[in-house]
Protein backbone atom coordinates (compact mmCIF):
# COMPACT_ATOMS: atom_id res chain seq x y z
CA GLY A 1 82.55 -98.84 152.20
CA GLY A 2 84.74 -96.13 153.22
CA MET A 3 85.09 -93.55 155.85
CA ALA A 4 84.05 -89.94 155.69
CA ALA A 5 84.97 -87.25 158.15
CA GLY A 6 81.62 -86.05 159.34
CA GLY A 7 82.13 -85.62 163.07
CA GLY A 8 84.06 -88.83 163.66
CA GLY A 9 81.54 -91.23 162.26
CA MET A 10 81.72 -93.88 159.52
CA ALA A 11 79.44 -94.29 156.58
CA ALA A 12 78.96 -97.52 154.82
CA GLY A 13 78.15 -96.87 151.14
CA GLY A 14 77.49 -100.44 150.40
CA GLY A 15 78.52 -103.91 151.25
CA GLY A 16 77.28 -106.78 153.21
CA MET A 17 76.43 -110.34 152.65
CA ALA A 18 73.90 -112.09 150.54
CA ALA A 19 72.54 -115.37 151.66
CA GLY A 20 70.95 -117.36 148.83
CA GLY A 21 69.22 -119.69 151.18
CA GLY A 22 68.23 -117.60 154.17
CA GLY A 23 71.11 -115.22 154.72
CA ILE A 24 70.97 -111.54 155.34
CA ALA A 25 71.56 -108.96 152.64
CA ALA A 26 72.66 -105.59 153.68
CA GLY A 27 71.71 -103.24 150.81
CA GLY A 28 73.41 -100.50 152.54
CA GLY A 29 74.07 -99.27 155.91
CA GLY A 30 76.49 -97.40 157.91
CA MET A 31 76.87 -94.62 160.20
CA ALA A 32 76.49 -91.01 159.59
CA ALA A 33 78.14 -88.29 161.47
CA GLY A 34 75.91 -87.27 164.26
CA GLY A 35 76.29 -90.20 166.42
CA GLY A 36 73.86 -92.58 164.71
CA MET A 37 73.62 -95.19 162.03
CA VAL A 38 71.73 -95.13 158.75
CA ALA A 39 70.51 -98.34 157.32
CA GLY A 40 70.09 -97.92 153.54
CA ALA A 41 68.34 -101.20 153.39
CA GLY A 42 67.00 -103.66 155.84
CA MET A 43 66.86 -107.37 155.89
CA ALA A 44 65.57 -109.41 153.09
CA ALA A 45 64.71 -113.03 153.36
CA GLY A 46 64.85 -114.60 149.95
CA ALA A 47 63.63 -118.01 151.07
CA HIS A 48 63.94 -118.44 154.79
CA GLY A 49 63.80 -122.15 155.53
CA ALA A 50 61.11 -123.92 157.37
CA ASP A 51 63.60 -125.02 159.98
CA HIS A 52 63.70 -121.36 161.20
CA GLY A 53 59.95 -121.31 161.61
CA HIS A 54 59.19 -118.62 158.86
CA ALA A 55 57.03 -118.84 155.75
CA ALA A 56 59.02 -118.59 152.58
CA VAL A 57 56.49 -116.82 150.31
CA GLY A 58 58.48 -113.82 149.29
CA GLY A 59 60.75 -113.14 152.13
CA ALA A 60 60.97 -110.08 154.29
CA ALA A 61 62.16 -106.80 152.88
CA ALA A 62 63.38 -103.93 154.88
CA GLY A 63 62.70 -100.90 152.73
CA GLY A 64 63.48 -98.49 155.43
CA ALA A 65 66.44 -97.96 157.74
CA MET A 66 67.42 -96.75 161.08
CA VAL A 67 68.40 -93.21 161.52
CA ALA A 68 70.35 -92.39 164.60
CA GLY A 69 69.96 -88.81 165.51
CA GLY A 70 71.24 -88.12 168.96
CA GLY A 71 71.40 -91.73 170.07
CA ALA A 72 67.81 -92.48 169.15
CA ARG A 73 66.78 -95.10 166.57
CA THR A 74 64.10 -94.92 163.91
CA LEU A 75 62.81 -97.93 162.07
CA ALA A 76 61.01 -97.48 158.77
CA CYS A 77 59.25 -100.31 156.99
CA GLY A 78 58.63 -99.96 153.31
CA GLY A 79 56.33 -102.93 153.29
CA GLY A 80 55.60 -106.35 154.66
CA MET A 81 55.24 -109.65 152.92
CA CYS A 82 54.00 -109.87 149.31
CA GLY A 83 51.40 -112.47 148.78
CA THR A 84 50.66 -113.13 152.51
CA SER A 85 48.59 -111.54 155.16
CA GLY A 86 51.61 -110.56 157.09
CA ALA A 87 53.07 -107.16 157.11
CA GLY A 88 55.59 -105.99 159.49
CA GLY A 89 57.69 -103.13 160.44
CA VAL A 90 57.10 -99.94 162.30
CA CYS A 91 57.01 -96.72 160.09
CA GLY A 92 57.28 -93.23 161.42
CA ALA A 93 58.43 -94.12 164.95
CA GLY A 94 61.14 -92.18 166.62
CA ALA A 95 62.06 -88.67 167.56
CA ALA A 96 62.64 -85.79 165.14
CA GLY A 97 66.24 -85.10 164.13
CA THR A 98 68.10 -81.86 163.93
CA SER A 99 69.10 -82.02 160.16
CA THR A 100 66.86 -82.18 157.04
CA ILE A 101 67.30 -82.35 153.27
CA SER A 102 66.10 -79.08 151.70
CA TYR A 103 66.17 -77.58 148.15
CA VAL A 104 68.83 -74.87 148.06
CA GLY A 105 69.02 -74.22 144.28
CA VAL A 106 70.87 -75.61 141.34
CA GLY A 107 74.61 -75.69 141.89
CA HIS A 108 74.40 -74.90 145.64
CA GLY A 109 73.85 -78.29 147.34
CA ASP A 110 75.71 -81.57 147.72
CA TYR A 111 72.89 -83.99 146.84
CA ILE A 112 70.55 -84.56 143.86
CA GLN A 113 67.18 -86.23 143.82
CA GLU A 114 66.74 -89.43 141.79
CA THR A 115 63.70 -91.66 141.08
CA THR A 116 64.23 -95.34 140.48
CA TYR A 117 61.93 -98.32 139.83
CA ARG A 118 62.52 -101.96 141.05
CA TYR A 119 60.82 -105.08 139.75
CA VAL A 120 58.89 -106.80 142.60
CA GLY A 121 56.98 -109.51 140.74
CA GLU A 122 54.07 -109.77 138.34
CA GLY A 123 51.00 -108.13 139.84
CA CYS A 124 52.86 -107.05 143.04
CA GLY A 125 53.68 -103.44 142.17
CA GLU A 126 51.95 -100.19 141.33
CA PHE A 127 53.60 -99.42 137.95
CA GLU A 128 53.67 -101.34 134.69
CA VAL A 129 55.56 -101.01 131.40
CA VAL A 130 52.95 -100.28 128.69
CA GLU A 131 53.23 -99.53 124.94
CA PRO A 132 52.38 -95.90 124.05
CA LYS A 133 49.06 -95.54 122.25
CA PRO A 134 49.33 -94.29 118.66
CA LYS A 135 48.52 -90.63 118.45
CA SER A 136 45.12 -89.87 116.92
CA ARG A 137 45.23 -88.36 113.41
CA LEU A 138 41.58 -87.34 113.33
CA TRP A 139 42.65 -83.70 113.61
CA MET A 140 44.34 -84.01 110.23
CA LEU A 141 41.12 -85.41 108.72
CA TYR A 142 39.11 -82.56 110.22
CA ILE A 143 41.51 -79.88 108.98
CA GLY A 144 41.82 -81.45 105.51
CA GLY A 145 38.06 -81.78 105.19
CA GLY A 146 37.55 -78.18 106.25
CA ILE A 147 40.05 -76.89 103.69
CA GLY A 148 38.44 -78.98 100.94
CA ALA A 149 34.96 -77.69 101.81
CA LEU A 150 36.24 -74.11 101.76
CA LEU A 151 37.81 -74.57 98.32
CA LEU A 152 34.57 -76.12 97.00
CA ILE A 153 32.57 -73.12 98.24
CA VAL A 154 35.00 -70.71 96.54
CA VAL A 155 34.70 -72.57 93.20
CA ILE A 156 30.88 -72.59 93.39
CA VAL A 157 30.78 -68.86 94.14
CA LEU A 158 33.07 -68.11 91.19
CA LEU A 159 30.86 -70.17 88.89
CA VAL A 160 27.59 -68.55 89.89
CA LEU A 161 28.87 -64.98 89.93
CA PRO A 162 27.77 -63.08 86.78
CA LYS A 163 30.56 -62.76 84.30
CA PRO A 164 31.53 -59.24 83.29
CA PRO A 165 30.07 -58.20 79.95
CA THR A 166 32.35 -58.66 77.04
CA THR A 167 32.36 -56.61 73.89
CA THR A 168 33.37 -57.97 70.59
CA THR A 169 34.70 -55.62 68.02
CA THR A 170 34.72 -57.00 64.56
CA THR A 171 37.17 -55.33 62.26
CA VAL A 172 37.77 -56.04 58.63
CA PRO A 173 41.35 -56.36 57.45
CA TYR A 174 40.87 -54.17 54.39
CA ASN A 175 38.77 -51.22 53.25
CA CYS A 176 37.76 -52.31 49.76
CA ASP A 177 36.59 -48.81 48.78
CA VAL A 178 39.99 -47.20 49.32
CA GLY A 179 42.09 -47.21 46.16
CA PHE A 180 39.47 -49.11 44.18
CA ASP A 181 40.10 -47.01 41.06
CA THR A 182 43.67 -48.34 40.89
CA TRP A 183 43.23 -51.71 42.59
CA GLN A 184 45.07 -53.67 39.90
CA GLN A 185 48.35 -51.86 40.45
CA GLY A 186 47.82 -50.49 43.96
CA TRP A 187 46.41 -53.40 45.98
CA SER A 188 48.39 -56.24 47.48
CA ILE A 189 47.62 -59.82 46.51
CA SER A 190 46.10 -60.51 49.94
CA LYS A 191 43.83 -57.45 49.71
CA LYS A 192 42.67 -58.45 46.23
CA SER A 193 41.89 -61.93 47.46
CA TRP A 194 40.01 -60.76 50.56
CA CYS A 195 38.01 -58.04 48.80
CA CYS A 196 37.12 -60.34 45.92
CA THR A 197 35.91 -63.09 48.26
CA ASN A 198 33.98 -60.86 50.67
CA GLN A 199 32.84 -57.89 48.60
CA GLY A 200 33.24 -58.95 44.98
CA LYS A 201 35.88 -56.26 44.36
CA GLY A 202 39.40 -56.58 43.07
CA CYS A 203 38.81 -59.99 41.51
CA THR A 204 41.70 -60.92 39.26
CA THR A 205 39.91 -63.70 37.37
CA LEU A 206 40.16 -62.89 33.71
CA ALA A 207 37.88 -63.83 30.88
CA PRO A 208 38.25 -67.54 30.07
CA THR A 209 39.92 -66.83 26.72
CA ALA A 210 42.51 -64.44 28.12
CA SER A 211 46.09 -65.65 28.56
CA PRO A 212 48.77 -64.19 30.86
CA THR A 213 50.41 -62.45 27.91
CA THR A 214 47.17 -61.04 26.44
CA SER A 215 46.45 -57.39 27.29
CA LEU A 216 42.97 -56.51 28.48
CA PRO A 217 40.75 -54.56 26.09
CA TYR A 218 39.79 -52.03 28.79
CA ASP A 219 41.16 -50.75 32.06
CA CYS A 220 38.09 -51.17 34.27
CA GLY A 221 39.73 -49.31 37.15
CA ALA A 222 40.27 -46.10 35.21
CA GLY A 223 37.34 -43.69 35.43
CA ALA A 224 35.14 -46.10 37.39
CA ALA A 225 33.63 -43.26 39.42
CA ASN A 226 32.14 -41.78 36.23
CA ALA A 227 31.48 -45.06 34.44
CA VAL A 228 27.79 -44.45 33.78
CA SER A 229 28.27 -41.33 31.70
CA GLY A 230 31.97 -41.55 30.84
CA TRP A 231 32.41 -45.10 29.50
CA SER A 232 31.42 -46.39 26.12
CA ALA A 233 28.72 -49.05 25.85
CA ALA A 234 31.37 -51.64 24.88
CA LYS A 235 33.54 -50.85 27.92
CA LYS A 236 30.54 -50.95 30.25
CA ASN A 237 29.54 -54.32 28.88
CA TYR A 238 33.05 -55.78 29.23
CA CYS A 239 33.80 -54.37 32.67
CA CYS A 240 30.38 -55.26 34.06
CA THR A 241 30.57 -58.83 32.72
CA THR A 242 34.21 -59.45 33.70
CA PHE A 243 34.73 -57.41 36.89
CA GLN A 244 31.19 -56.37 37.91
CA LYS A 245 32.18 -52.72 37.44
CA GLY A 246 30.36 -50.04 35.51
CA CYS A 247 27.11 -52.00 35.58
CA GLU A 248 24.20 -49.68 34.93
CA THR A 249 21.13 -49.65 37.10
CA PRO A 250 18.02 -51.05 35.42
CA PRO A 251 16.36 -48.35 33.32
CA LYS A 252 13.07 -46.85 34.46
CA THR A 253 10.48 -44.62 32.85
CA CYS A 254 9.17 -41.19 33.77
CA THR A 255 5.75 -40.44 32.26
CA LEU A 256 4.06 -37.06 31.73
CA TRP A 257 0.46 -36.91 30.63
CA GLY A 258 -2.44 -34.46 30.73
CA ASP A 259 -2.09 -31.22 32.63
CA PRO A 260 0.70 -32.42 33.35
CA HIS A 261 0.79 -35.23 35.88
CA ILE A 262 4.11 -36.98 36.33
CA ILE A 263 4.96 -40.55 37.38
CA SER A 264 8.56 -40.12 38.50
CA PHE A 265 11.47 -42.57 38.14
CA ASP A 266 11.22 -43.48 41.82
CA GLN A 267 7.48 -44.21 41.88
CA VAL A 268 6.73 -47.91 42.24
CA GLY A 269 3.99 -48.90 39.84
CA THR A 270 1.86 -46.68 37.63
CA ASP A 271 -0.86 -45.60 40.06
CA LYS A 272 -1.76 -42.15 38.79
CA ASN A 273 -3.07 -41.12 42.19
CA GLN A 274 0.53 -41.09 43.47
CA ALA A 275 1.72 -38.76 40.71
CA LEU A 276 2.96 -35.21 41.24
CA SER A 277 1.77 -32.31 39.09
CA PHE A 278 2.84 -28.89 37.82
CA TYR A 279 -0.18 -26.73 36.99
CA GLY A 280 1.51 -23.35 36.63
CA ASP A 281 2.90 -22.05 33.33
CA GLY A 282 6.60 -21.88 32.54
CA ASP A 283 9.70 -23.84 31.44
CA PHE A 284 10.75 -26.77 33.63
CA TRP A 285 13.61 -29.24 33.96
CA LEU A 286 12.49 -32.82 33.36
CA VAL A 287 16.01 -34.27 33.64
CA LYS A 288 19.05 -32.25 34.64
CA THR A 289 22.61 -33.57 35.01
CA SER A 290 26.00 -32.15 34.12
CA THR A 291 25.76 -33.70 30.66
CA ILE A 292 22.02 -34.28 30.03
CA SER A 293 19.39 -31.56 29.57
CA ILE A 294 15.74 -32.44 28.98
CA GLN A 295 13.37 -29.50 29.37
CA ALA A 296 9.62 -29.04 28.90
CA ARG A 297 7.33 -26.04 28.54
CA PHE A 298 4.00 -26.15 30.37
CA GLU A 299 1.18 -23.87 29.22
CA GLY A 300 -2.52 -23.69 30.00
CA THR A 301 -5.29 -24.56 27.55
CA LYS A 302 -8.96 -23.68 27.37
CA TYR A 303 -9.76 -27.34 27.99
CA THR A 304 -7.91 -27.35 31.33
CA GLU A 305 -9.41 -24.17 32.84
CA GLY A 306 -6.05 -22.46 32.41
CA LEU A 307 -4.13 -25.21 34.25
CA ALA A 308 -0.97 -26.10 32.32
CA ALA A 309 -0.33 -29.07 30.02
CA THR A 310 2.95 -30.08 28.37
CA ASN A 311 3.34 -27.97 25.26
CA GLN A 312 6.93 -28.49 24.09
CA VAL A 313 9.97 -30.74 24.79
CA VAL A 314 13.68 -30.32 24.00
CA VAL A 315 16.64 -32.73 24.47
CA GLY A 316 20.25 -31.61 24.45
CA GLY A 317 23.50 -31.50 26.36
CA ALA A 318 27.02 -32.84 26.08
CA PHE A 319 25.86 -36.47 25.96
CA LEU A 320 24.23 -35.66 22.59
CA GLY A 321 27.38 -34.12 21.18
CA GLY A 322 25.94 -30.59 21.19
CA HIS A 323 22.89 -31.52 19.14
CA LYS A 324 19.35 -30.51 20.06
CA ILE A 325 16.08 -32.29 19.30
CA GLU A 326 12.83 -30.36 19.83
CA VAL A 327 9.19 -31.43 19.52
CA GLY A 328 6.05 -29.29 19.99
CA THR A 329 2.31 -29.72 19.44
CA ARG A 330 0.88 -30.51 16.05
CA ASP A 331 -0.50 -26.96 15.98
CA SER A 332 2.95 -25.48 16.65
CA GLY A 333 4.60 -27.46 13.85
CA ILE A 334 7.80 -27.84 15.87
CA LEU A 335 9.72 -31.03 15.06
CA THR A 336 13.37 -30.18 14.49
CA VAL A 337 16.94 -31.37 14.91
CA ASP A 338 19.35 -28.54 15.61
CA GLY A 339 16.57 -26.09 14.64
CA GLN A 340 15.98 -27.69 11.23
CA ALA A 341 12.91 -29.61 10.06
CA VAL A 342 14.14 -33.06 9.13
CA PHE A 343 10.92 -34.90 8.22
CA ALA A 344 9.53 -34.29 4.79
CA SER A 345 7.15 -37.22 4.97
CA PHE A 346 5.31 -39.39 7.43
CA PRO A 347 6.42 -41.89 8.69
CA SER A 348 10.12 -41.17 8.46
CA THR A 349 13.46 -41.66 10.28
CA PHE A 350 16.39 -39.31 10.79
CA ARG A 351 19.90 -40.55 11.69
CA ALA A 352 22.70 -38.34 12.96
CA ALA A 353 25.74 -38.14 10.69
CA ASP A 354 27.95 -39.65 13.39
CA GLY A 355 25.41 -42.36 14.16
CA SER A 356 25.08 -41.25 17.79
CA PHE A 357 21.27 -40.98 17.72
CA THR A 358 18.17 -41.55 15.59
CA VAL A 359 14.73 -39.93 15.50
CA THR A 360 11.74 -41.80 14.09
CA TYR A 361 8.36 -40.24 13.38
CA ASP A 362 5.44 -42.69 13.09
CA ASP A 363 2.23 -43.91 14.72
CA GLN A 364 3.64 -46.99 16.47
CA GLY A 365 3.42 -47.39 20.23
CA GLU A 366 1.06 -47.52 23.17
CA VAL A 367 -0.11 -44.14 24.43
CA PRO A 368 0.21 -43.39 28.17
CA ASP A 369 -3.27 -41.89 28.45
CA VAL A 370 -5.82 -41.69 25.66
CA VAL A 371 -5.91 -40.46 22.09
CA PRO A 372 -7.77 -37.16 22.37
CA GLU A 373 -10.92 -36.82 20.32
CA GLY A 374 -10.29 -35.47 16.84
CA ASN A 375 -6.50 -36.16 17.02
CA GLU A 376 -4.38 -38.30 14.76
CA LYS A 377 -1.82 -40.53 16.42
CA ARG A 378 1.67 -39.16 15.84
CA ILE A 379 4.65 -40.37 17.88
CA VAL A 380 8.28 -39.20 17.89
CA HIS A 381 10.81 -41.86 19.03
CA MET A 382 14.29 -40.66 20.03
CA THR A 383 17.03 -43.30 20.49
CA LEU A 384 19.90 -41.55 22.24
CA PRO A 385 23.35 -42.26 23.77
CA LEU A 386 23.64 -43.88 27.24
CA GLY A 387 20.65 -46.03 26.41
CA ILE A 388 18.24 -43.14 26.86
CA THR A 389 14.99 -43.06 24.90
CA VAL A 390 12.52 -40.17 24.75
CA THR A 391 9.07 -40.70 23.28
CA VAL A 392 6.78 -37.75 22.51
CA PHE A 393 3.08 -38.35 21.79
CA GLN A 394 2.18 -35.37 19.63
CA TRP A 395 -1.38 -34.12 19.89
CA ASN A 396 -2.96 -31.02 18.43
CA ASN A 397 -2.65 -28.68 21.45
CA TYR A 398 -0.47 -30.62 23.94
CA VAL A 399 1.95 -33.53 24.14
CA ASP A 400 2.49 -36.52 26.41
CA VAL A 401 6.07 -37.62 27.12
CA GLN A 402 7.93 -40.71 28.31
CA VAL A 403 11.65 -40.71 29.25
CA THR A 404 13.35 -44.08 29.81
CA MET A 405 16.88 -44.19 31.21
CA SER A 406 19.19 -45.42 33.95
CA ALA A 407 20.09 -43.22 36.91
CA GLN A 408 22.85 -40.71 36.25
CA PRO A 409 25.18 -38.96 38.72
CA GLY A 410 23.65 -35.80 40.20
CA GLN A 411 20.34 -36.29 38.45
CA ASP A 412 17.27 -34.21 39.32
CA GLY A 413 14.24 -32.58 37.74
CA ALA A 414 10.45 -32.83 37.55
CA CYS A 415 10.93 -36.57 36.88
CA GLY A 416 12.59 -36.86 40.30
CA ASN A 417 16.14 -37.37 41.52
CA PHE A 418 16.15 -41.13 40.74
CA ASN A 419 17.54 -42.08 44.18
CA GLY A 420 15.04 -44.82 44.92
CA ASP A 421 13.04 -42.69 47.40
CA HIS A 422 9.70 -41.61 45.98
CA SER A 423 8.80 -39.62 49.10
CA ASP A 424 11.36 -36.86 48.43
CA ASP A 425 9.98 -36.13 44.95
CA THR A 426 7.11 -33.75 45.66
CA THR A 427 6.33 -30.68 43.60
CA ALA A 428 7.53 -28.36 46.37
CA THR A 429 10.77 -30.26 47.18
CA ILE A 430 11.77 -30.50 43.52
CA MET A 431 11.32 -26.75 43.00
CA LYS A 432 13.31 -26.13 46.16
CA ARG A 433 16.21 -28.31 44.94
CA ILE A 434 16.58 -27.10 41.34
CA GLY A 435 14.54 -23.92 41.17
CA ALA A 436 10.90 -23.35 40.32
CA ARG A 437 11.59 -22.74 36.62
CA VAL A 438 14.46 -23.01 34.10
CA ARG A 439 16.54 -19.85 34.22
CA PRO A 440 16.66 -17.97 30.91
CA SER A 441 20.43 -18.48 30.63
CA GLU A 442 19.97 -22.28 30.74
CA SER A 443 16.95 -22.59 28.48
CA LEU A 444 17.18 -24.71 25.30
CA LEU A 445 13.53 -24.24 24.31
CA SER A 446 12.72 -22.07 21.33
CA GLY A 447 10.23 -19.25 21.75
CA LYS A 448 8.98 -17.95 25.07
CA ALA A 449 6.48 -19.33 27.53
CA LYS A 450 3.16 -17.54 27.96
CA ILE A 451 2.33 -17.16 31.64
CA ASP A 452 -1.38 -16.98 32.48
CA PHE A 453 -3.17 -17.03 35.81
CA THR A 454 -6.87 -17.48 35.10
CA PRO A 455 -9.76 -16.29 37.29
CA GLN A 456 -10.59 -19.93 38.04
CA MET A 457 -7.06 -20.44 39.38
CA GLN A 458 -7.26 -17.25 41.47
CA LYS A 459 -10.60 -18.24 43.05
CA MET A 460 -9.46 -21.82 43.68
CA MET A 461 -6.22 -20.74 45.40
CA ALA A 462 -8.07 -18.20 47.58
CA ALA A 463 -10.69 -20.76 48.61
CA GLU A 464 -8.71 -23.98 48.95
CA CYS A 465 -5.15 -22.98 49.88
CA LYS A 466 -4.66 -21.83 53.48
CA GLU A 467 -3.55 -18.26 53.99
CA THR A 468 -0.44 -19.35 55.87
CA THR A 469 0.46 -21.72 53.03
CA ARG A 470 -0.02 -18.97 50.47
CA ALA A 471 2.16 -16.59 52.45
CA THR A 472 4.96 -19.17 52.71
CA ALA A 473 4.61 -20.09 49.03
CA GLN A 474 4.87 -16.46 47.96
CA SER A 475 8.13 -16.06 49.87
CA THR A 476 9.75 -19.30 48.68
CA CYS A 477 8.66 -18.80 45.06
CA ALA A 478 10.26 -15.35 44.96
CA THR A 479 13.53 -17.02 45.95
CA GLU A 480 13.25 -20.09 43.73
CA LEU A 481 12.33 -18.10 40.62
CA GLY A 482 15.29 -15.74 40.82
CA GLU A 483 15.14 -13.12 38.04
CA LEU A 484 11.91 -14.70 36.73
CA ALA A 485 10.07 -13.46 39.83
CA THR A 486 9.53 -10.13 38.08
CA VAL A 487 7.69 -11.76 35.15
CA LYS A 488 3.94 -11.06 35.30
CA ASN A 489 1.92 -13.84 36.96
CA MET A 490 5.04 -15.97 37.44
CA VAL A 491 4.97 -15.87 41.28
CA PHE A 492 1.22 -16.74 41.31
CA SER A 493 1.87 -19.56 38.88
CA CYS A 494 4.55 -20.93 41.21
CA MET A 495 2.30 -20.49 44.27
CA PHE A 496 -0.43 -22.52 42.58
CA ASP A 497 2.07 -25.37 42.08
CA THR A 498 3.00 -25.21 45.77
CA CYS A 499 -0.63 -25.32 46.89
CA PHE A 500 -1.95 -28.01 44.53
CA GLY A 501 1.06 -29.81 43.08
CA MET A 502 0.20 -33.08 44.86
CA ASN A 503 -3.50 -33.01 43.91
CA VAL A 504 -4.12 -34.93 40.68
CA ARG A 505 -7.74 -33.74 40.67
CA ALA A 506 -6.98 -30.02 40.59
CA ARG A 507 -8.48 -29.50 37.12
CA SER A 508 -11.87 -30.86 38.18
CA HIS A 509 -11.78 -28.49 41.16
CA ALA A 510 -10.91 -25.54 38.91
CA LYS A 511 -14.02 -26.22 36.78
CA THR A 512 -16.22 -25.44 39.77
CA TYR A 513 -14.87 -21.88 39.78
CA ALA A 514 -15.48 -21.23 36.06
């Protein structure tokens, strides 16, 4: 211990004696300034012998001390005997002192507070050294499970939501119609290959006998747009067979019979009830193109109540090399080539000097209607360029006609426009497209048509054609006839066609007004 100046007193910080077999241990003691003595520890008996008259169970421990404050003495007992029924010591006795330990703030006092623990024997104390329990990780499981459930919900929602509509635009890599006329020199290899595979155009496969050094007999790309009328038969055959170009449409037949009814090129089948008719007098286009001219004259007869029948036919145009073939009734005596009679006997055949066409006059062939009573069968067969044939069945006072050909560019006429649509070939629509009659400046027919409008026709039109229809027909016919509108009876003749052109029974109706 040492000495501290605290009013003349002496403090013992530690010291004393330890008796292993019954001595006294002074854990601390001393005197504090103030006139008293502080015992830091009391007396402990480790194993007081039996010769002193004490029980040596655990000894006596003085956990308190004596505090002298003004000459008084305080004795504090921290506890009695451990493991026995004895307990000794007086705690809390004594008078209050004048000084106390108080908290004055960090860095302002002379003492600090400390907590210490002392081992007192198994089961004798209040505290124990225990292992810390492992911290629970259930919170991680809960959080992880919650996140997983949330993600699953998001995925399900995305799957069940309707997908936005998608549009697919299909484009072709090449336009096989562009540059087709010059595909051999103008197209790339890839375009030729694609167009050949997908559209059958631009195929470079040559005829089996052709070699790389052999020139082709025809350029099937040149003039393809006008192949039907501009190519020779040999070129058409080669190009159609080798490159599928210039192939002609299958030929069809237009038939005129009686007064006159017409089965057009576009009519399917030969049902005469579907035919169109032209009952008024005048000259008409049967077939009209830039190179082909086939015209017919329709005139009334006493057997048809004044309603027209085919009276005369002429074939001409550039496709025939400027030649003209004309056939009339037996009574008219017209059967000429370029205005000249060419048949001195019957039957007989005429061939053009250049071999471009032939005309045969005989009695061979099936008639489209009937052989009229008292008539001898006479048939004129024309074999013409472009595979066209015209057959005229020559009767005494009228003729029947058949024209067989393939469709030509810009074709129109009383035989129809040959576009595959029968519905647009009515009497009225045809007259609207090409005019109600052949203009005088375009006529190839010899002579002049006689235009009659019989009383039967007048009565029938007044009784069976509505007034509004007649008024419209009169206006349109004046336009469609052009300069012919001033010809006597011509407008009435045209009006009759407008009113009854789609009625194949018009003649039987006209008889009722005789």
